[in-house]
């Protein structure tokens, strides 16, 4: 599901990615996922 996010996360350091990126990505993915899934079911725009 979050393949694009997983590819973009490994770029920064593990600590930053696990703390800031993971939290921001998870929150953004959850919120965007609900709205994106409701309106766009074919397009998976997890990474905003």
PDB file of N, CA and C in Angstrom:
ATOM      1  N   UNK A   1       0.831  -1.195   0.000  1.00  0.00           N
ATOM      2  CA  UNK A   1       0.000   0.000   0.000  1.00  0.00           C
ATOM      3  C   UNK A   1       0.877   1.262   0.000  1.00  0.00           C
ATOM      4  N   UNK A   2       1.769   1.350   0.972  1.00  0.00           N
ATOM      5  CA  UNK A   2       2.623   2.540   1.045  1.00  0.00           C
ATOM      6  C   UNK A   2       3.991   2.227   0.465  1.00  0.00           C
ATOM      7  N   UNK A   3       3.980   1.836  -0.794  1.00  0.00           N
ATOM      8  CA  UNK A   3       5.259   1.502  -1.426  1.00  0.00           C
ATOM      9  C   UNK A   3       6.042   2.771  -1.728  1.00  0.00           C
ATOM     10  N   UNK A   4       5.378   3.796  -2.228  1.00  0.00           N
ATOM     11  CA  UNK A   4       6.079   5.038  -2.549  1.00  0.00           C
ATOM     12  C   UNK A   4       6.657   5.669  -1.283  1.00  0.00           C
ATOM     13  N   UNK A   5       5.895   5.627  -0.204  1.00  0.00           N
ATOM     14  CA  UNK A   5       6.374   6.200   1.050  1.00  0.00           C
ATOM     15  C   UNK A   5       7.613   5.454   1.529  1.00  0.00           C
ATOM     16  N   UNK A   6       7.590   4.136   1.434  1.00  0.00           N
ATOM     17  CA  UNK A   6       8.728   3.344   1.887  1.00  0.00           C
ATOM     18  C   UNK A   6       9.974   3.672   1.085  1.00  0.00           C
ATOM     19  N   UNK A   7       9.794   3.990  -0.194  1.00  0.00           N
ATOM     20  CA  UNK A   7      10.951   4.307  -1.033  1.00  0.00           C
ATOM     21  C   UNK A   7      11.488   5.692  -0.718  1.00  0.00           C
ATOM     22  N   UNK A   8      10.608   6.606  -0.335  1.00  0.00           N
ATOM     23  CA  UNK A   8      11.051   7.977  -0.064  1.00  0.00           C
ATOM     24  C   UNK A   8      11.615   8.120   1.348  1.00  0.00           C
ATOM     25  N   UNK A   9      11.236   7.227   2.248  1.00  0.00           N
ATOM     26  CA  UNK A   9      11.706   7.324   3.634  1.00  0.00           C
ATOM     27  C   UNK A   9      13.179   6.954   3.785  1.00  0.00           C
ATOM     28  N   UNK A  10      13.643   5.874   3.180  1.00  0.00           N
ATOM     29  CA  UNK A  10      15.047   5.458   3.361  1.00  0.00           C
ATOM     30  C   UNK A  10      16.064   6.532   2.962  1.00  0.00           C
ATOM     31  N   UNK A  11      15.656   7.545   2.228  1.00  0.00           N
ATOM     32  CA  UNK A  11      16.613   8.570   1.808  1.00  0.00           C
ATOM     33  C   UNK A  11      17.221   9.305   3.004  1.00  0.00           C
ATOM     34  N   UNK A  12      16.435   9.883   3.898  1.00  0.00           N
ATOM     35  CA  UNK A  12      17.008  10.558   5.071  1.00  0.00           C
ATOM     36  C   UNK A  12      17.539   9.555   6.087  1.00  0.00           C
ATOM     37  N   UNK A  13      18.231  10.041   7.133  1.00  0.00           N
ATOM     38  CA  UNK A  13      18.770   9.143   8.157  1.00  0.00           C
ATOM     39  C   UNK A  13      17.675   8.323   8.833  1.00  0.00           C
ATOM     40  N   UNK A  14      18.019   7.173   9.409  1.00  0.00           N
ATOM     41  CA  UNK A  14      17.023   6.309  10.059  1.00  0.00           C
ATOM     42  C   UNK A  14      16.346   7.006  11.240  1.00  0.00           C
ATOM     43  N   UNK A  15      17.118   7.755  12.006  1.00  0.00           N
ATOM     44  CA  UNK A  15      16.521   8.417  13.182  1.00  0.00           C
ATOM     45  C   UNK A  15      15.496   9.460  12.732  1.00  0.00           C
ATOM     46  N   UNK A  16      15.891  10.303  11.812  1.00  0.00           N
ATOM     47  CA  UNK A  16      14.974  11.353  11.337  1.00  0.00           C
ATOM     48  C   UNK A  16      13.771  10.719  10.638  1.00  0.00           C
ATOM     49  N   UNK A  17      14.052   9.698   9.843  1.00  0.00           N
ATOM     50  CA  UNK A  17      12.969   9.048   9.098  1.00  0.00           C
ATOM     51  C   UNK A  17      12.001   8.361  10.054  1.00  0.00           C
ATOM     52  N   UNK A  18      12.543   7.768  11.102  1.00  0.00           N
ATOM     53  CA  UNK A  18      11.683   7.039  12.039  1.00  0.00           C
ATOM     54  C   UNK A  18      10.927   7.998  12.949  1.00  0.00           C
ATOM     55  N   UNK A  19      11.538   9.132  13.250  1.00  0.00           N
ATOM     56  CA  UNK A  19      10.894  10.064  14.192  1.00  0.00           C
ATOM     57  C   UNK A  19      10.007  11.063  13.442  1.00  0.00           C
ATOM     58  N   UNK A  20      10.624  11.910  12.639  1.00  0.00           N
ATOM     59  CA  UNK A  20       9.854  12.970  11.983  1.00  0.00           C
ATOM     60  C   UNK A  20       9.122  12.475  10.745  1.00  0.00           C
ATOM     61  N   UNK A  21       9.876  11.873   9.816  1.00  0.00           N
ATOM     62  CA  UNK A  21       9.261  11.463   8.553  1.00  0.00           C
ATOM     63  C   UNK A  21       8.164  10.433   8.784  1.00  0.00           C
ATOM     64  N   UNK A  22       8.441   9.460   9.628  1.00  0.00           N
ATOM     65  CA  UNK A  22       7.456   8.399   9.865  1.00  0.00           C
ATOM     66  C   UNK A  22       6.169   8.981  10.450  1.00  0.00           C
ATOM     67  N   UNK A  23       6.322   9.848  11.433  1.00  0.00           N
ATOM     68  CA  UNK A  23       5.134  10.430  12.078  1.00  0.00           C
ATOM     69  C   UNK A  23       4.364  11.298  11.088  1.00  0.00           C
ATOM     70  N   UNK A  24       5.094  12.168  10.391  1.00  0.00           N
ATOM     71  CA  UNK A  24       4.430  13.065   9.432  1.00  0.00           C
ATOM     72  C   UNK A  24       3.823  12.254   8.295  1.00  0.00           C
ATOM     73  N   UNK A  25       4.581  11.292   7.798  1.00  0.00           N
ATOM     74  CA  UNK A  25       4.084  10.484   6.678  1.00  0.00           C
ATOM     75  C   UNK A  25       2.867   9.667   7.108  1.00  0.00           C
ATOM     76  N   UNK A  26       2.954   9.086   8.305  1.00  0.00           N
ATOM     77  CA  UNK A  26       1.831   8.270   8.782  1.00  0.00           C
ATOM     78  C   UNK A  26       0.576   9.127   8.940  1.00  0.00           C
ATOM     79  N   UNK A  27       0.748  10.295   9.560  1.00  0.00           N
ATOM     80  CA  UNK A  27      -0.413  11.178   9.763  1.00  0.00           C
ATOM     81  C   UNK A  27      -0.950  11.655   8.418  1.00  0.00           C
ATOM     82  N   UNK A  28      -0.048  12.096   7.558  1.00  0.00           N
ATOM     83  CA  UNK A  28      -0.479  12.592   6.247  1.00  0.00           C
ATOM     84  C   UNK A  28      -1.080  11.458   5.418  1.00  0.00           C
ATOM     85  N   UNK A  29      -0.451  10.288   5.510  1.00  0.00           N
ATOM     86  CA  UNK A  29      -0.959   9.149   4.737  1.00  0.00           C
ATOM     87  C   UNK A  29      -2.344   8.736   5.227  1.00  0.00           C
ATOM     88  N   UNK A  30      -2.524   8.723   6.547  1.00  0.00           N
ATOM     89  CA  UNK A  30      -3.826   8.326   7.094  1.00  0.00           C
ATOM     90  C   UNK A  30      -4.906   9.317   6.695  1.00  0.00           C
ATOM     91  N   UNK A  31      -4.603  10.604   6.859  1.00  0.00           N
ATOM     92  CA  UNK A  31      -5.601  11.629   6.513  1.00  0.00           C
ATOM     93  C   UNK A  31      -5.829  11.667   5.007  1.00  0.00           C
ATOM     94  N   UNK A  32      -4.726  11.725   4.266  1.00  0.00           N
ATOM     95  CA  UNK A  32      -4.855  11.788   2.807  1.00  0.00           C
ATOM     96  C   UNK A  32      -5.446  10.489   2.263  1.00  0.00           C
ATOM     97  N   UNK A  33      -5.085   9.383   2.907  1.00  0.00           N
ATOM     98  CA  UNK A  33      -5.587   8.087   2.435  1.00  0.00           C
ATOM     99  C   UNK A  33      -7.106   8.050   2.530  1.00  0.00           C
ATOM    100  N   UNK A  34      -7.648   8.537   3.635  1.00  0.00           N
ATOM    101  CA  UNK A  34      -9.115   8.514   3.796  1.00  0.00           C
ATOM    102  C   UNK A  34      -9.768   9.389   2.739  1.00  0.00           C
ATOM    103  N   UNK A  35      -9.242  10.588   2.549  1.00  0.00           N
ATOM    104  CA  UNK A  35      -9.867  11.480   1.556  1.00  0.00           C
ATOM    105  C   UNK A  35      -9.570  11.001   0.143  1.00  0.00           C
ATOM    106  N   UNK A  36      -8.321  10.607  -0.087  1.00  0.00           N
ATOM    107  CA  UNK A  36      -7.956  10.149  -1.432  1.00  0.00           C
ATOM    108  C   UNK A  36      -8.710   8.871  -1.789  1.00  0.00           C
ATOM    109  N   UNK A  37      -8.811   7.967  -0.831  1.00  0.00           N
ATOM    110  CA  UNK A  37      -9.497   6.698  -1.100  1.00  0.00           C
ATOM    111  C   UNK A  37     -10.970   6.942  -1.376  1.00  0.00           C
ATOM    112  N   UNK A  38     -11.540   7.894  -0.656  1.00  0.00           N
ATOM    113  CA  UNK A  38     -12.970   8.172  -0.851  1.00  0.00           C
ATOM    114  C   UNK A  38     -13.202   8.763  -2.240  1.00  0.00           C
ATOM    115  N   UNK A  39     -12.355   9.687  -2.655  1.00  0.00           N
ATOM    116  CA  UNK A  39     -12.590  10.336  -3.963  1.00  0.00           C
ATOM    117  C   UNK A  39     -11.854   9.599  -5.077  1.00  0.00           C
ATOM    118  N   UNK A  40     -10.571   9.329  -4.870  1.00  0.00           N
ATOM    119  CA  UNK A  40      -9.812   8.631  -5.931  1.00  0.00           C
ATOM    120  C   UNK A  40      -9.441   7.240  -5.453  1.00  0.00           C
ATOM    121  N   UNK A  41     -10.122   6.268  -5.952  1.00  0.00           N
ATOM    122  CA  UNK A  41      -9.817   4.884  -5.531  1.00  0.00           C
ATOM    123  C   UNK A  41      -8.759   4.307  -6.457  1.00  0.00           C
ATOM    124  N   UNK A  42      -8.660   4.751  -7.662  1.00  0.00           N
ATOM    125  CA  UNK A  42      -7.669   4.175  -8.598  1.00  0.00           C
ATOM    126  C   UNK A  42      -6.310   4.830  -8.402  1.00  0.00           C
ATOM    127  N   UNK A  43      -6.269   6.102  -8.060  1.00  0.00           N
ATOM    128  CA  UNK A  43      -4.971   6.774  -7.892  1.00  0.00           C
ATOM    129  C   UNK A  43      -4.546   6.690  -6.432  1.00  0.00           C
ATOM    130  N   UNK A  44      -3.347   6.198  -6.181  1.00  0.00           N
ATOM    131  CA  UNK A  44      -2.859   6.085  -4.809  1.00  0.00           C
ATOM    132  C   UNK A  44      -1.859   7.198  -4.531  1.00  0.00           C
ATOM    133  N   UNK A  45      -2.349   8.298  -4.015  1.00  0.00           N
ATOM    134  CA  UNK A  45      -1.463   9.430  -3.736  1.00  0.00           C
ATOM    135  C   UNK A  45      -1.162   9.469  -2.244  1.00  0.00           C
ATOM    136  N   UNK A  46      -0.291   8.586  -1.809  1.00  0.00           N
ATOM    137  CA  UNK A  46       0.046   8.547  -0.385  1.00  0.00           C
ATOM    138  C   UNK A  46       1.084   9.618  -0.067  1.00  0.00           C
ATOM    139  N   UNK A  47       2.046   9.778  -0.973  1.00  0.00           N
ATOM    140  CA  UNK A  47       3.113  10.758  -0.718  1.00  0.00           C
ATOM    141  C   UNK A  47       2.660  12.125  -1.187  1.00  0.00           C
ATOM    142  N   UNK A  48       2.441  13.027  -0.259  1.00  0.00           N
ATOM    143  CA  UNK A  48       2.007  14.374  -0.678  1.00  0.00           C
ATOM    144  C   UNK A  48       3.149  15.357  -0.497  1.00  0.00           C
TER     145      UNK A  48
END
